[in-house]
Amino acid sequence: MLMQSELDARPWISWAELSRRLAAIGEHVTPEALSTQVKSGAFPATLFLQCAVVCSFVGLELFVDQSDLHEAARRGSAA
C-alpha cells in the first residue's frame, strides 16, 4: 500500500484535490474512483507515477529519473 502511505503523509490532499491535480495533467479520474482504486490496491502503475508527479512523492527520484516521471504523466494522459 505504498500509494496509500504516500497520500497519508499528505493529509491536505483529499481525494477531490488529487482528482483535480490529475485533471491538470489530463488524467480525469473521479475522487470516488481514486479512493476505490487506491484502497483496494488495484490501479495501474501509470497512475502511481502520475500521482508521484502531482503530489511530489519524496524519494522516488532515487529510483526513477524526474524526467521519466514527467514523461509517464504526459503519456498516461495521452492514452
PDB file of N, CA and C in Angstrom:
ATOM      1  N   MET A   1       0.817  -1.195   0.000  1.00  0.00           N
ATOM      2  CA  MET A   1       0.000   0.000   0.000  1.00  0.00           C
ATOM      3  C   MET A   1       0.867   1.269   0.000  1.00  0.00           C
ATOM      4  N   LEU A   2       1.833   1.250  -0.889  1.00  0.00           N
ATOM      5  CA  LEU A   2       2.760   2.370  -0.985  1.00  0.00           C
ATOM      6  C   LEU A   2       2.040   3.676  -1.314  1.00  0.00           C
ATOM      7  N   MET A   3       1.124   3.629  -2.265  1.00  0.00           N
ATOM      8  CA  MET A   3       0.442   4.873  -2.633  1.00  0.00           C
ATOM      9  C   MET A   3      -0.374   5.403  -1.465  1.00  0.00           C
ATOM     10  N   GLN A   4      -1.077   4.532  -0.759  1.00  0.00           N
ATOM     11  CA  GLN A   4      -1.859   4.983   0.390  1.00  0.00           C
ATOM     12  C   GLN A   4      -0.954   5.620   1.438  1.00  0.00           C
ATOM     13  N   SER A   5       0.223   5.035   1.662  1.00  0.00           N
ATOM     14  CA  SER A   5       1.175   5.607   2.623  1.00  0.00           C
ATOM     15  C   SER A   5       1.648   6.985   2.190  1.00  0.00           C
ATOM     16  N   GLU A   6       1.928   7.129   0.899  1.00  0.00           N
ATOM     17  CA  GLU A   6       2.361   8.432   0.380  1.00  0.00           C
ATOM     18  C   GLU A   6       1.261   9.470   0.549  1.00  0.00           C
ATOM     19  N   LEU A   7       0.029   9.080   0.264  1.00  0.00           N
ATOM     20  CA  LEU A   7      -1.083  10.022   0.399  1.00  0.00           C
ATOM     21  C   LEU A   7      -1.375  10.325   1.867  1.00  0.00           C
ATOM     22  N   ASP A   8      -1.235   9.334   2.731  1.00  0.00           N
ATOM     23  CA  ASP A   8      -1.434   9.560   4.171  1.00  0.00           C
ATOM     24  C   ASP A   8      -0.432  10.575   4.718  1.00  0.00           C
ATOM     25  N   ALA A   9       0.741  10.627   4.113  1.00  0.00           N
ATOM     26  CA  ALA A   9       1.773  11.589   4.538  1.00  0.00           C
ATOM     27  C   ALA A   9       1.435  13.013   4.098  1.00  0.00           C
ATOM     28  N   ARG A  10       0.391  13.152   3.293  1.00  0.00           N
ATOM     29  CA  ARG A  10      -0.054  14.457   2.787  1.00  0.00           C
ATOM     30  C   ARG A  10      -1.544  14.633   3.088  1.00  0.00           C
ATOM     31  N   PRO A  11      -1.889  14.805   4.352  1.00  0.00           N
ATOM     32  CA  PRO A  11      -3.311  14.869   4.721  1.00  0.00           C
ATOM     33  C   PRO A  11      -4.057  16.047   4.088  1.00  0.00           C
ATOM     34  N   TRP A  12      -3.372  17.008   3.573  1.00  0.00           N
ATOM     35  CA  TRP A  12      -4.008  18.166   2.937  1.00  0.00           C
ATOM     36  C   TRP A  12      -4.482  17.828   1.512  1.00  0.00           C
ATOM     37  N   ILE A  13      -4.081  16.656   1.000  1.00  0.00           N
ATOM     38  CA  ILE A  13      -4.502  16.264  -0.334  1.00  0.00           C
ATOM     39  C   ILE A  13      -5.673  15.290  -0.200  1.00  0.00           C
ATOM     40  N   SER A  14      -6.864  15.806  -0.387  1.00  0.00           N
ATOM     41  CA  SER A  14      -8.079  14.979  -0.342  1.00  0.00           C
ATOM     42  C   SER A  14      -8.219  14.242  -1.670  1.00  0.00           C
ATOM     43  N   TRP A  15      -9.173  13.334  -1.726  1.00  0.00           N
ATOM     44  CA  TRP A  15      -9.433  12.649  -2.989  1.00  0.00           C
ATOM     45  C   TRP A  15      -9.856  13.652  -4.054  1.00  0.00           C
ATOM     46  N   ALA A  16     -10.642  14.629  -3.666  1.00  0.00           N
ATOM     47  CA  ALA A  16     -11.080  15.660  -4.623  1.00  0.00           C
ATOM     48  C   ALA A  16      -9.885  16.473  -5.118  1.00  0.00           C
ATOM     49  N   GLU A  17      -8.970  16.798  -4.220  1.00  0.00           N
ATOM     50  CA  GLU A  17      -7.770  17.557  -4.611  1.00  0.00           C
ATOM     51  C   GLU A  17      -6.883  16.722  -5.524  1.00  0.00           C
ATOM     52  N   LEU A  18      -6.723  15.452  -5.208  1.00  0.00           N
ATOM     53  CA  LEU A  18      -5.913  14.581  -6.058  1.00  0.00           C
ATOM     54  C   LEU A  18      -6.542  14.472  -7.441  1.00  0.00           C
ATOM     55  N   SER A  19      -7.849  14.336  -7.497  1.00  0.00           N
ATOM     56  CA  SER A  19      -8.555  14.284  -8.768  1.00  0.00           C
ATOM     57  C   SER A  19      -8.328  15.571  -9.562  1.00  0.00           C
ATOM     58  N   ARG A  20      -8.398  16.697  -8.887  1.00  0.00           N
ATOM     59  CA  ARG A  20      -8.174  17.995  -9.544  1.00  0.00           C
ATOM     60  C   ARG A  20      -6.751  18.083 -10.090  1.00  0.00           C
ATOM     61  N   ARG A  21      -5.775  17.649  -9.298  1.00  0.00           N
ATOM     62  CA  ARG A  21      -4.377  17.709  -9.743  1.00  0.00           C
ATOM     63  C   ARG A  21      -4.130  16.804 -10.941  1.00  0.00           C
ATOM     64  N   LEU A  22      -4.717  15.624 -10.906  1.00  0.00           N
ATOM     65  CA  LEU A  22      -4.563  14.713 -12.041  1.00  0.00           C
ATOM     66  C   LEU A  22      -5.235  15.282 -13.285  1.00  0.00           C
ATOM     67  N   ALA A  23      -6.379  15.924 -13.119  1.00  0.00           N
ATOM     68  CA  ALA A  23      -7.067  16.538 -14.255  1.00  0.00           C
ATOM     69  C   ALA A  23      -6.196  17.619 -14.896  1.00  0.00           C
ATOM     70  N   ALA A  24      -5.379  18.284 -14.085  1.00  0.00           N
ATOM     71  CA  ALA A  24      -4.498  19.336 -14.605  1.00  0.00           C
ATOM     72  C   ALA A  24      -3.471  18.778 -15.586  1.00  0.00           C
ATOM     73  N   ILE A  25      -3.161  17.478 -15.488  1.00  0.00           N
ATOM     74  CA  ILE A  25      -2.231  16.867 -16.449  1.00  0.00           C
ATOM     75  C   ILE A  25      -2.982  15.989 -17.455  1.00  0.00           C
ATOM     76  N   GLY A  26      -4.315  16.137 -17.473  1.00  0.00           N
ATOM     77  CA  GLY A  26      -5.114  15.454 -18.473  1.00  0.00           C
ATOM     78  C   GLY A  26      -5.616  14.080 -18.081  1.00  0.00           C
ATOM     79  N   GLU A  27      -5.434  13.688 -16.830  1.00  0.00           N
ATOM     80  CA  GLU A  27      -5.912  12.380 -16.359  1.00  0.00           C
ATOM     81  C   GLU A  27      -7.173  12.604 -15.538  1.00  0.00           C
ATOM     82  N   HIS A  28      -8.309  12.241 -16.094  1.00  0.00           N
ATOM     83  CA  HIS A  28      -9.587  12.508 -15.436  1.00  0.00           C
ATOM     84  C   HIS A  28     -10.086  11.259 -14.713  1.00  0.00           C
ATOM     85  N   VAL A  29     -10.009  11.303 -13.385  1.00  0.00           N
ATOM     86  CA  VAL A  29     -10.455  10.209 -12.531  1.00  0.00           C
ATOM     87  C   VAL A  29     -11.273  10.837 -11.411  1.00  0.00           C
ATOM     88  N   THR A  30     -12.448  10.311 -11.166  1.00  0.00           N
ATOM     89  CA  THR A  30     -13.287  10.884 -10.111  1.00  0.00           C
ATOM     90  C   THR A  30     -12.663  10.608  -8.740  1.00  0.00           C
ATOM     91  N   PRO A  31     -12.960  11.453  -7.776  1.00  0.00           N
ATOM     92  CA  PRO A  31     -12.462  11.210  -6.414  1.00  0.00           C
ATOM     93  C   PRO A  31     -12.888   9.835  -5.896  1.00  0.00           C
ATOM     94  N   GLU A  32     -14.096   9.423  -6.213  1.00  0.00           N
ATOM     95  CA  GLU A  32     -14.594   8.125  -5.754  1.00  0.00           C
ATOM     96  C   GLU A  32     -13.795   6.980  -6.364  1.00  0.00           C
ATOM     97  N   ALA A  33     -13.513   7.073  -7.662  1.00  0.00           N
ATOM     98  CA  ALA A  33     -12.737   6.033  -8.348  1.00  0.00           C
ATOM     99  C   ALA A  33     -11.317   5.969  -7.795  1.00  0.00           C
ATOM    100  N   LEU A  34     -10.721   7.135  -7.528  1.00  0.00           N
ATOM    101  CA  LEU A  34      -9.384   7.154  -6.940  1.00  0.00           C
ATOM    102  C   LEU A  34      -9.365   6.461  -5.588  1.00  0.00           C
ATOM    103  N   SER A  35     -10.318   6.809  -4.754  1.00  0.00           N
ATOM    104  CA  SER A  35     -10.399   6.219  -3.422  1.00  0.00           C
ATOM    105  C   SER A  35     -10.533   4.701  -3.507  1.00  0.00           C
ATOM    106  N   THR A  36     -11.415   4.239  -4.355  1.00  0.00           N
ATOM    107  CA  THR A  36     -11.640   2.799  -4.510  1.00  0.00           C
ATOM    108  C   THR A  36     -10.384   2.097  -5.008  1.00  0.00           C
ATOM    109  N   GLN A  37      -9.760   2.658  -6.034  1.00  0.00           N
ATOM    110  CA  GLN A  37      -8.562   2.038  -6.604  1.00  0.00           C
ATOM    111  C   GLN A  37      -7.412   1.988  -5.611  1.00  0.00           C
ATOM    112  N   VAL A  38      -7.163   3.103  -4.955  1.00  0.00           N
ATOM    113  CA  VAL A  38      -6.026   3.167  -4.030  1.00  0.00           C
ATOM    114  C   VAL A  38      -6.259   2.269  -2.827  1.00  0.00           C
ATOM    115  N   LYS A  39      -7.444   2.315  -2.262  1.00  0.00           N
ATOM    116  CA  LYS A  39      -7.733   1.499  -1.082  1.00  0.00           C
ATOM    117  C   LYS A  39      -7.700   0.007  -1.382  1.00  0.00           C
ATOM    118  N   SER A  40      -8.066  -0.365  -2.609  1.00  0.00           N
ATOM    119  CA  SER A  40      -8.044  -1.783  -2.983  1.00  0.00           C
ATOM    120  C   SER A  40      -6.663  -2.224  -3.452  1.00  0.00           C
ATOM    121  N   GLY A  41      -5.830  -1.253  -3.811  1.00  0.00           N
ATOM    122  CA  GLY A  41      -4.505  -1.570  -4.345  1.00  0.00           C
ATOM    123  C   GLY A  41      -4.541  -1.956  -5.810  1.00  0.00           C
ATOM    124  N   ALA A  42      -5.696  -1.785  -6.448  1.00  0.00           N
ATOM    125  CA  ALA A  42      -5.867  -2.166  -7.857  1.00  0.00           C
ATOM    126  C   ALA A  42      -5.862  -0.921  -8.737  1.00  0.00           C
ATOM    127  N   PHE A  43      -4.674  -0.504  -9.136  1.00  0.00           N
ATOM    128  CA  PHE A  43      -4.543   0.657 -10.006  1.00  0.00           C
ATOM    129  C   PHE A  43      -3.322   0.448 -10.891  1.00  0.00           C
ATOM    130  N   PRO A  44      -3.300   1.064 -12.069  1.00  0.00           N
ATOM    131  CA  PRO A  44      -2.153   0.904 -12.960  1.00  0.00           C
ATOM    132  C   PRO A  44      -0.924   1.648 -12.431  1.00  0.00           C
ATOM    133  N   ALA A  45       0.231   1.142 -12.784  1.00  0.00           N
ATOM    134  CA  ALA A  45       1.486   1.782 -12.375  1.00  0.00           C
ATOM    135  C   ALA A  45       1.566   3.215 -12.872  1.00  0.00           C
ATOM    136  N   THR A  46       0.971   3.471 -14.043  1.00  0.00           N
ATOM    137  CA  THR A  46       0.999   4.840 -14.564  1.00  0.00           C
ATOM    138  C   THR A  46       0.279   5.797 -13.619  1.00  0.00           C
ATOM    139  N   LEU A  47      -0.793   5.331 -12.983  1.00  0.00           N
ATOM    140  CA  LEU A  47      -1.500   6.198 -12.040  1.00  0.00           C
ATOM    141  C   LEU A  47      -0.596   6.529 -10.855  1.00  0.00           C
ATOM    142  N   PHE A  48       0.154   5.549 -10.375  1.00  0.00           N
ATOM    143  CA  PHE A  48       1.093   5.818  -9.281  1.00  0.00           C
ATOM    144  C   PHE A  48       2.106   6.878  -9.704  1.00  0.00           C
ATOM    145  N   LEU A  49       2.670   6.730 -10.892  1.00  0.00           N
ATOM    146  CA  LEU A  49       3.667   7.692 -11.364  1.00  0.00           C
ATOM    147  C   LEU A  49       3.053   9.075 -11.569  1.00  0.00           C
ATOM    148  N   GLN A  50       1.829   9.119 -12.080  1.00  0.00           N
ATOM    149  CA  GLN A  50       1.154  10.408 -12.244  1.00  0.00           C
ATOM    150  C   GLN A  50       0.912  11.066 -10.884  1.00  0.00           C
ATOM    151  N   CYS A  51       0.503  10.282  -9.910  1.00  0.00           N
ATOM    152  CA  CYS A  51       0.307  10.824  -8.552  1.00  0.00           C
ATOM    153  C   CYS A  51       1.639  11.282  -7.966  1.00  0.00           C
ATOM    154  N   ALA A  52       2.692  10.542  -8.251  1.00  0.00           N
ATOM    155  CA  ALA A  52       4.025  10.935  -7.769  1.00  0.00           C
ATOM    156  C   ALA A  52       4.406  12.306  -8.303  1.00  0.00           C
ATOM    157  N   VAL A  53       4.034  12.566  -9.558  1.00  0.00           N
ATOM    158  CA  VAL A  53       4.345  13.863 -10.165  1.00  0.00           C
ATOM    159  C   VAL A  53       3.517  14.968  -9.531  1.00  0.00           C
ATOM    160  N   VAL A  54       2.205  14.774  -9.453  1.00  0.00           N
ATOM    161  CA  VAL A  54       1.340  15.862  -8.997  1.00  0.00           C
ATOM    162  C   VAL A  54       1.359  16.050  -7.481  1.00  0.00           C
ATOM    163  N   CYS A  55       1.859  15.055  -6.753  1.00  0.00           N
ATOM    164  CA  CYS A  55       1.917  15.161  -5.280  1.00  0.00           C
ATOM    165  C   CYS A  55       3.342  15.268  -4.763  1.00  0.00           C
ATOM    166  N   SER A  56       4.317  15.210  -5.653  1.00  0.00           N
ATOM    167  CA  SER A  56       5.739  15.309  -5.286  1.00  0.00           C
ATOM    168  C   SER A  56       6.135  14.271  -4.235  1.00  0.00           C
ATOM    169  N   PHE A  57       5.936  12.980  -4.574  1.00  0.00           N
ATOM    170  CA  PHE A  57       6.364  11.921  -3.665  1.00  0.00           C
ATOM    171  C   PHE A  57       7.879  12.017  -3.480  1.00  0.00           C
ATOM    172  N   VAL A  58       8.315  12.132  -2.248  1.00  0.00           N
ATOM    173  CA  VAL A  58       9.729  12.306  -1.919  1.00  0.00           C
ATOM    174  C   VAL A  58      10.461  10.969  -2.000  1.00  0.00           C
ATOM    175  N   GLY A  59      11.641  10.985  -2.593  1.00  0.00           N
ATOM    176  CA  GLY A  59      12.483   9.808  -2.633  1.00  0.00           C
ATOM    177  C   GLY A  59      12.332   8.970  -3.880  1.00  0.00           C
ATOM    178  N   LEU A  60      11.255   9.163  -4.613  1.00  0.00           N
ATOM    179  CA  LEU A  60      11.042   8.360  -5.810  1.00  0.00           C
ATOM    180  C   LEU A  60      12.128   8.632  -6.848  1.00  0.00           C
ATOM    181  N   GLU A  61      12.697   9.825  -6.805  1.00  0.00           N
ATOM    182  CA  GLU A  61      13.738  10.181  -7.768  1.00  0.00           C
ATOM    183  C   GLU A  61      15.001   9.339  -7.581  1.00  0.00           C
ATOM    184  N   LEU A  62      15.111   8.638  -6.457  1.00  0.00           N
ATOM    185  CA  LEU A  62      16.240   7.721  -6.253  1.00  0.00           C
ATOM    186  C   LEU A  62      16.114   6.497  -7.153  1.00  0.00           C
ATOM    187  N   PHE A  63      14.900   6.183  -7.576  1.00  0.00           N
ATOM    188  CA  PHE A  63      14.638   5.001  -8.376  1.00  0.00           C
ATOM    189  C   PHE A  63      14.216   5.319  -9.805  1.00  0.00           C
ATOM    190  N   VAL A  64      13.595   6.470  -9.979  1.00  0.00           N
ATOM    191  CA  VAL A  64      13.097   6.868 -11.293  1.00  0.00           C
ATOM    192  C   VAL A  64      13.507   8.315 -11.539  1.00  0.00           C
ATOM    193  N   ASP A  65      14.107   8.563 -12.691  1.00  0.00           N
ATOM    194  CA  ASP A  65      14.523   9.913 -13.042  1.00  0.00           C
ATOM    195  C   ASP A  65      13.307  10.830 -13.141  1.00  0.00           C
ATOM    196  N   GLN A  66      13.438  12.040 -12.634  1.00  0.00           N
ATOM    197  CA  GLN A  66      12.333  13.004 -12.634  1.00  0.00           C
ATOM    198  C   GLN A  66      11.779  13.229 -14.033  1.00  0.00           C
ATOM    199  N   SER A  67      12.650  13.284 -15.030  1.00  0.00           N
ATOM    200  CA  SER A  67      12.157  13.494 -16.400  1.00  0.00           C
ATOM    201  C   SER A  67      11.317  12.304 -16.859  1.00  0.00           C
ATOM    202  N   ASP A  68      11.649  11.101 -16.397  1.00  0.00           N
ATOM    203  CA  ASP A  68      10.839   9.925 -16.730  1.00  0.00           C
ATOM    204  C   ASP A  68       9.472   9.993 -16.056  1.00  0.00           C
ATOM    205  N   LEU A  69       9.439  10.524 -14.843  1.00  0.00           N
ATOM    206  CA  LEU A  69       8.157  10.703 -14.159  1.00  0.00           C
ATOM    207  C   LEU A  69       7.268  11.658 -14.934  1.00  0.00           C
ATOM    208  N   HIS A  70       7.836  12.748 -15.379  1.00  0.00           N
ATOM    209  CA  HIS A  70       7.061  13.729 -16.141  1.00  0.00           C
ATOM    210  C   HIS A  70       6.586  13.129 -17.467  1.00  0.00           C
ATOM    211  N   GLU A  71       7.446  12.333 -18.094  1.00  0.00           N
ATOM    212  CA  GLU A  71       7.055  11.680 -19.349  1.00  0.00           C
ATOM    213  C   GLU A  71       5.934  10.672 -19.101  1.00  0.00           C
ATOM    214  N   ALA A  72       5.995   9.927 -17.999  1.00  0.00           N
ATOM    215  CA  ALA A  72       4.924   8.976 -17.668  1.00  0.00           C
ATOM    216  C   ALA A  72       3.606   9.707 -17.447  1.00  0.00           C
ATOM    217  N   ALA A  73       3.681  10.861 -16.815  1.00  0.00           N
ATOM    218  CA  ALA A  73       2.465  11.651 -16.600  1.00  0.00           C
ATOM    219  C   ALA A  73       1.891  12.105 -17.936  1.00  0.00           C
ATOM    220  N   ARG A  74       2.747  12.559 -18.833  1.00  0.00           N
ATOM    221  CA  ARG A  74       2.281  13.010 -20.149  1.00  0.00           C
ATOM    222  C   ARG A  74       1.700  11.850 -20.963  1.00  0.00           C
ATOM    223  N   ARG A  75       2.388  10.725 -20.967  1.00  0.00           N
ATOM    224  CA  ARG A  75       1.923   9.569 -21.758  1.00  0.00           C
ATOM    225  C   ARG A  75       0.620   9.016 -21.188  1.00  0.00           C
ATOM    226  N   GLY A  76       0.525   8.968 -19.892  1.00  0.00           N
ATOM    227  CA  GLY A  76      -0.694   8.464 -19.275  1.00  0.00           C
ATOM    228  C   GLY A  76      -1.888   9.316 -19.649  1.00  0.00           C
ATOM    229  N   SER A  77      -1.675  10.606 -19.724  1.00  0.00           N
ATOM    230  CA  SER A  77      -2.794  11.484 -20.060  1.00  0.00           C
ATOM    231  C   SER A  77      -3.149  11.410 -21.538  1.00  0.00           C
ATOM    232  N   ALA A  78      -2.209  10.919 -22.356  1.00  0.00           N
ATOM    233  CA  ALA A  78      -2.472  10.810 -23.789  1.00  0.00           C
ATOM    234  C   ALA A  78      -3.149   9.489 -24.142  1.00  0.00           C
ATOM    235  N   ALA A  79      -3.117   8.526 -23.226  1.00  0.00           N
ATOM    236  CA  ALA A  79      -3.680   7.197 -23.520  1.00  0.00           C
ATOM    237  C   ALA A  79      -5.191   7.191 -23.530  1.00  0.00           C
TER     238      ALA A  79
END
